[in-house]
């Protein structure tokens, strides 16, 4: 299997595993790719770029 990454951005605030699990509201292990919803992506993106409305 080959994976090509393009149009990537480096987050201002890297997201550690604890924050990732908190944003996704589930316990996960990052040992391989996981599918996330559009809403989960937006939550992580906002967190990584300090765009949280909270």
PDB file of N, CA and C in Angstrom:
ATOM      1  N   UNK A   1       0.842  -1.171   0.000  1.00  0.00           N
ATOM      2  CA  UNK A   1       0.000   0.000   0.000  1.00  0.00           C
ATOM      3  C   UNK A   1       0.889   1.236   0.000  1.00  0.00           C
ATOM      4  N   UNK A   2       0.514   2.212  -0.781  1.00  0.00           N
ATOM      5  CA  UNK A   2       1.231   3.481  -0.817  1.00  0.00           C
ATOM      6  C   UNK A   2       0.272   4.597  -0.424  1.00  0.00           C
ATOM      7  N   UNK A   3       0.783   5.534   0.347  1.00  0.00           N
ATOM      8  CA  UNK A   3      -0.027   6.673   0.779  1.00  0.00           C
ATOM      9  C   UNK A   3       0.687   7.942   0.361  1.00  0.00           C
ATOM     10  N   UNK A   4      -0.038   8.842  -0.256  1.00  0.00           N
ATOM     11  CA  UNK A   4       0.525  10.117  -0.666  1.00  0.00           C
ATOM     12  C   UNK A   4      -0.155  11.220   0.140  1.00  0.00           C
ATOM     13  N   UNK A   5       0.647  12.048   0.787  1.00  0.00           N
ATOM     14  CA  UNK A   5       0.123  13.174   1.537  1.00  0.00           C
ATOM     15  C   UNK A   5       0.374  14.443   0.742  1.00  0.00           C
ATOM     16  N   UNK A   6      -0.641  15.288   0.645  1.00  0.00           N
ATOM     17  CA  UNK A   6      -0.479  16.568  -0.034  1.00  0.00           C
ATOM     18  C   UNK A   6      -1.346  17.606   0.653  1.00  0.00           C
ATOM     19  N   UNK A   7      -1.073  18.856   0.382  1.00  0.00           N
ATOM     20  CA  UNK A   7      -1.821  19.966   0.984  1.00  0.00           C
ATOM     21  C   UNK A   7      -1.852  19.850   2.506  1.00  0.00           C
ATOM     22  N   UNK A   8      -0.711  19.595   3.116  1.00  0.00           N
ATOM     23  CA  UNK A   8      -0.631  19.458   4.564  1.00  0.00           C
ATOM     24  C   UNK A   8      -0.268  20.794   5.196  1.00  0.00           C
ATOM     25  N   UNK A   9      -0.609  20.953   6.453  1.00  0.00           N
ATOM     26  CA  UNK A   9      -0.275  22.152   7.211  1.00  0.00           C
ATOM     27  C   UNK A   9       0.313  21.721   8.543  1.00  0.00           C
ATOM     28  N   UNK A  10       1.267  22.480   9.042  1.00  0.00           N
ATOM     29  CA  UNK A  10       1.833  22.216  10.349  1.00  0.00           C
ATOM     30  C   UNK A  10       1.030  23.005  11.376  1.00  0.00           C
ATOM     31  N   UNK A  11       0.540  22.306  12.392  1.00  0.00           N
ATOM     32  CA  UNK A  11      -0.264  22.962  13.416  1.00  0.00           C
ATOM     33  C   UNK A  11       0.588  23.902  14.254  1.00  0.00           C
ATOM     34  N   UNK A  12       0.005  25.015  14.683  1.00  0.00           N
ATOM     35  CA  UNK A  12       0.680  25.943  15.587  1.00  0.00           C
ATOM     36  C   UNK A  12       0.868  25.278  16.942  1.00  0.00           C
ATOM     37  N   UNK A  13      -0.175  24.578  17.398  1.00  0.00           N
ATOM     38  CA  UNK A  13      -0.144  23.840  18.667  1.00  0.00           C
ATOM     39  C   UNK A  13      -0.283  22.356  18.383  1.00  0.00           C
ATOM     40  N   UNK A  14       0.799  21.607  18.478  1.00  0.00           N
ATOM     41  CA  UNK A  14       0.686  20.168  18.288  1.00  0.00           C
ATOM     42  C   UNK A  14      -0.323  19.579  19.274  1.00  0.00           C
ATOM     43  N   UNK A  15      -1.027  18.555  18.863  1.00  0.00           N
ATOM     44  CA  UNK A  15      -2.060  17.937  19.692  1.00  0.00           C
ATOM     45  C   UNK A  15      -1.524  16.615  20.215  1.00  0.00           C
ATOM     46  N   UNK A  16      -1.391  16.523  21.555  1.00  0.00           N
ATOM     47  CA  UNK A  16      -0.897  15.278  22.138  1.00  0.00           C
ATOM     48  C   UNK A  16      -2.029  14.258  22.217  1.00  0.00           C
ATOM     49  N   UNK A  17      -1.705  13.038  22.581  1.00  0.00           N
ATOM     50  CA  UNK A  17      -2.681  11.951  22.589  1.00  0.00           C
ATOM     51  C   UNK A  17      -3.844  12.246  23.529  1.00  0.00           C
ATOM     52  N   UNK A  18      -3.552  12.787  24.705  1.00  0.00           N
ATOM     53  CA  UNK A  18      -4.619  13.095  25.671  1.00  0.00           C
ATOM     54  C   UNK A  18      -5.612  14.111  25.093  1.00  0.00           C
ATOM     55  N   UNK A  19      -5.097  15.161  24.476  1.00  0.00           N
ATOM     56  CA  UNK A  19      -5.964  16.178  23.863  1.00  0.00           C
ATOM     57  C   UNK A  19      -6.731  15.578  22.686  1.00  0.00           C
ATOM     58  N   UNK A  20      -6.077  14.730  21.900  1.00  0.00           N
ATOM     59  CA  UNK A  20      -6.732  14.075  20.772  1.00  0.00           C
ATOM     60  C   UNK A  20      -7.913  13.245  21.248  1.00  0.00           C
ATOM     61  N   UNK A  21      -7.698  12.446  22.293  1.00  0.00           N
ATOM     62  CA  UNK A  21      -8.773  11.629  22.838  1.00  0.00           C
ATOM     63  C   UNK A  21      -9.898  12.502  23.391  1.00  0.00           C
ATOM     64  N   UNK A  22      -9.541  13.616  23.993  1.00  0.00           N
ATOM     65  CA  UNK A  22     -10.546  14.538  24.522  1.00  0.00           C
ATOM     66  C   UNK A  22     -11.364  15.154  23.385  1.00  0.00           C
ATOM     67  N   UNK A  23     -10.721  15.595  22.323  1.00  0.00           N
ATOM     68  CA  UNK A  23     -11.416  16.200  21.187  1.00  0.00           C
ATOM     69  C   UNK A  23     -12.326  15.208  20.488  1.00  0.00           C
ATOM     70  N   UNK A  24     -11.867  13.968  20.347  1.00  0.00           N
ATOM     71  CA  UNK A  24     -12.654  12.945  19.659  1.00  0.00           C
ATOM     72  C   UNK A  24     -13.670  12.269  20.583  1.00  0.00           C
ATOM     73  N   UNK A  25     -13.545  12.564  21.874  1.00  0.00           N
ATOM     74  CA  UNK A  25     -14.432  11.994  22.894  1.00  0.00           C
ATOM     75  C   UNK A  25     -14.435  10.470  22.872  1.00  0.00           C
ATOM     76  N   UNK A  26     -13.242   9.889  22.656  1.00  0.00           N
ATOM     77  CA  UNK A  26     -13.110   8.437  22.718  1.00  0.00           C
ATOM     78  C   UNK A  26     -11.646   8.068  22.922  1.00  0.00           C
ATOM     79  N   UNK A  27     -11.437   6.917  23.541  1.00  0.00           N
ATOM     80  CA  UNK A  27     -10.083   6.402  23.743  1.00  0.00           C
ATOM     81  C   UNK A  27      -9.614   5.757  22.452  1.00  0.00           C
ATOM     82  N   UNK A  28      -8.491   6.215  21.943  1.00  0.00           N
ATOM     83  CA  UNK A  28      -7.930   5.639  20.722  1.00  0.00           C
ATOM     84  C   UNK A  28      -6.431   5.460  20.904  1.00  0.00           C
ATOM     85  N   UNK A  29      -5.860   4.633  20.096  1.00  0.00           N
ATOM     86  CA  UNK A  29      -4.413   4.469  20.016  1.00  0.00           C
ATOM     87  C   UNK A  29      -4.027   4.804  18.592  1.00  0.00           C
ATOM     88  N   UNK A  30      -2.983   5.576  18.430  1.00  0.00           N
ATOM     89  CA  UNK A  30      -2.540   5.965  17.095  1.00  0.00           C
ATOM     90  C   UNK A  30      -1.402   5.037  16.678  1.00  0.00           C
ATOM     91  N   UNK A  31      -1.772   3.876  16.207  1.00  0.00           N
ATOM     92  CA  UNK A  31      -0.789   2.920  15.707  1.00  0.00           C
ATOM     93  C   UNK A  31      -0.986   2.692  14.217  1.00  0.00           C
ATOM     94  N   UNK A  32      -2.079   3.231  13.719  1.00  0.00           N
ATOM     95  CA  UNK A  32      -2.370   3.140  12.293  1.00  0.00           C
ATOM     96  C   UNK A  32      -3.377   4.233  11.961  1.00  0.00           C
ATOM     97  N   UNK A  33      -3.776   4.294  10.721  1.00  0.00           N
ATOM     98  CA  UNK A  33      -4.732   5.304  10.305  1.00  0.00           C
ATOM     99  C   UNK A  33      -6.089   5.036  10.943  1.00  0.00           C
ATOM    100  N   UNK A  34      -6.796   6.117  11.249  1.00  0.00           N
ATOM    101  CA  UNK A  34      -8.173   5.991  11.720  1.00  0.00           C
ATOM    102  C   UNK A  34      -9.034   6.963  10.924  1.00  0.00           C
ATOM    103  N   UNK A  35     -10.265   6.608  10.763  1.00  0.00           N
ATOM    104  CA  UNK A  35     -11.187   7.490  10.059  1.00  0.00           C
ATOM    105  C   UNK A  35     -11.886   8.369  11.086  1.00  0.00           C
ATOM    106  N   UNK A  36     -11.959   9.678  10.798  1.00  0.00           N
ATOM    107  CA  UNK A  36     -12.672  10.597  11.662  1.00  0.00           C
ATOM    108  C   UNK A  36     -13.718  11.332  10.835  1.00  0.00           C
ATOM    109  N   UNK A  37     -14.720  11.828  11.525  1.00  0.00           N
ATOM    110  CA  UNK A  37     -15.784  12.550  10.832  1.00  0.00           C
ATOM    111  C   UNK A  37     -15.322  13.971  10.499  1.00  0.00           C
ATOM    112  N   UNK A  38     -16.089  14.639   9.680  1.00  0.00           N
ATOM    113  CA  UNK A  38     -15.779  16.024   9.334  1.00  0.00           C
ATOM    114  C   UNK A  38     -15.822  16.904  10.583  1.00  0.00           C
ATOM    115  N   UNK A  39     -16.781  16.660  11.461  1.00  0.00           N
ATOM    116  CA  UNK A  39     -16.893  17.440  12.700  1.00  0.00           C
ATOM    117  C   UNK A  39     -15.671  17.229  13.591  1.00  0.00           C
ATOM    118  N   UNK A  40     -15.192  15.980  13.674  1.00  0.00           N
ATOM    119  CA  UNK A  40     -13.991  15.696  14.464  1.00  0.00           C
ATOM    120  C   UNK A  40     -12.779  16.382  13.858  1.00  0.00           C
ATOM    121  N   UNK A  41     -12.666  16.381  12.537  1.00  0.00           N
ATOM    122  CA  UNK A  41     -11.564  17.066  11.862  1.00  0.00           C
ATOM    123  C   UNK A  41     -11.587  18.557  12.190  1.00  0.00           C
ATOM    124  N   UNK A  42     -12.751  19.162  12.118  1.00  0.00           N
ATOM    125  CA  UNK A  42     -12.877  20.600  12.398  1.00  0.00           C
ATOM    126  C   UNK A  42     -12.478  20.892  13.839  1.00  0.00           C
ATOM    127  N   UNK A  43     -12.901  20.046  14.764  1.00  0.00           N
ATOM    128  CA  UNK A  43     -12.535  20.222  16.173  1.00  0.00           C
ATOM    129  C   UNK A  43     -11.026  20.178  16.349  1.00  0.00           C
ATOM    130  N   UNK A  44     -10.371  19.192  15.738  1.00  0.00           N
ATOM    131  CA  UNK A  44      -8.916  19.068  15.841  1.00  0.00           C
ATOM    132  C   UNK A  44      -8.205  20.233  15.153  1.00  0.00           C
ATOM    133  N   UNK A  45      -8.678  20.630  13.998  1.00  0.00           N
ATOM    134  CA  UNK A  45      -8.075  21.739  13.246  1.00  0.00           C
ATOM    135  C   UNK A  45      -8.153  23.022  14.058  1.00  0.00           C
ATOM    136  N   UNK A  46      -9.312  23.292  14.627  1.00  0.00           N
ATOM    137  CA  UNK A  46      -9.474  24.499  15.449  1.00  0.00           C
ATOM    138  C   UNK A  46      -8.565  24.468  16.665  1.00  0.00           C
ATOM    139  N   UNK A  47      -8.443  23.312  17.273  1.00  0.00           N
ATOM    140  CA  UNK A  47      -7.566  23.178  18.432  1.00  0.00           C
ATOM    141  C   UNK A  47      -6.107  23.391  18.050  1.00  0.00           C
ATOM    142  N   UNK A  48      -5.697  22.848  16.928  1.00  0.00           N
ATOM    143  CA  UNK A  48      -4.313  22.970  16.476  1.00  0.00           C
ATOM    144  C   UNK A  48      -3.924  24.365  16.031  1.00  0.00           C
ATOM    145  N   UNK A  49      -4.903  25.199  15.699  1.00  0.00           N
ATOM    146  CA  UNK A  49      -4.618  26.559  15.255  1.00  0.00           C
ATOM    147  C   UNK A  49      -5.194  27.629  16.197  1.00  0.00           C
ATOM    148  N   UNK A  50      -5.477  27.235  17.442  1.00  0.00           N
ATOM    149  CA  UNK A  50      -6.016  28.176  18.442  1.00  0.00           C
ATOM    150  C   UNK A  50      -7.267  28.880  17.950  1.00  0.00           C
ATOM    151  N   UNK A  51      -8.152  28.181  17.292  1.00  0.00           N
ATOM    152  CA  UNK A  51      -9.385  28.758  16.784  1.00  0.00           C
ATOM    153  C   UNK A  51     -10.577  28.304  17.611  1.00  0.00           C
ATOM    154  N   UNK A  52     -10.320  27.723  18.797  1.00  0.00           N
ATOM    155  CA  UNK A  52     -11.416  27.249  19.638  1.00  0.00           C
ATOM    156  C   UNK A  52     -12.298  28.410  20.041  1.00  0.00           C
ATOM    157  N   UNK A  53     -13.600  28.277  19.814  1.00  0.00           N
ATOM    158  CA  UNK A  53     -14.516  29.356  20.192  1.00  0.00           C
ATOM    159  C   UNK A  53     -14.723  29.442  21.710  1.00  0.00           C
ATOM    160  N   UNK A  54     -14.217  28.469  22.473  1.00  0.00           N
ATOM    161  CA  UNK A  54     -14.419  28.449  23.914  1.00  0.00           C
ATOM    162  C   UNK A  54     -13.513  29.422  24.625  1.00  0.00           C
TER     163      UNK A  54
END
